């Protein structure tokens, strides 16, 4: 196959296979598991943001101050985006944004935000796959396989967040698959304009980190405070730590495969 064919095939596989593998796990989860798995998803989001995406954004940009400023702007931007979504559904002072039950009827706000960030991240994955293939076919294959392995725990978290936001299982799968197509778009565009894309990659990475941090801290963590008993708190902290650990060990696996 040509280099372009390899890029397109492995970009599609890198996005779609990780989503399908994550969905296979999430679709078999019982309803009673969801509150516990949300804690795990928080850890996976924060772990991916601080251990993987943000460091890569800083390294790619070369300027810590600018990269973190983009993250800050992204967090503020997602706050404004969430406000716009709320205003769209608010008709008076007693809309869902002012009611105690707002979290259970958030009309997919968390899901919307995580899909935006995940699309940025998938696009960058496609660019990275293309860059690897344009250097060496074997490196490209290993890089694509490493991305698939690395994306699975994060996609599990994204899938669970969509379920938590009120989406059905089939809609969650459809939206995740649609978002995964950004990997294919990133790979195809990078093949034809890789040099121009290099300056955009750090921005996309920083915005992806911003979306993960915002969703975890603003939309998911507050819901955990409803249960204040010691046992629930220990479970939540343990599952958050498990989510972070999963990303950490997935990162080590990627380094071993690529190295």
Foldseek 3Di string as FASTA:
>chain_A
DDLLVLLLVLLLCLQQVLLVLLLVVLVPDDPVCLLLVLLLLLLQLLLCLPVPLLVVLCVLVVHNVVLVVLLVVLLVVLVVVLVVVQVVQDDDPPGLVNDPCNLQAVVCSLLVLLLVLLLLVSLLLSLVLLVLSVVPVVLSVLSSVLSSLLCNLNSNSSLSSSVSNPDDSVVSSVSSSVSSCSSSVSNNVCNVPVVVCSVVSSSSSSSSSSSSVNSSPPRRVVVQVVDDDPVSVVSSVVSSVVSSVSNVVSVVVSVVSSD
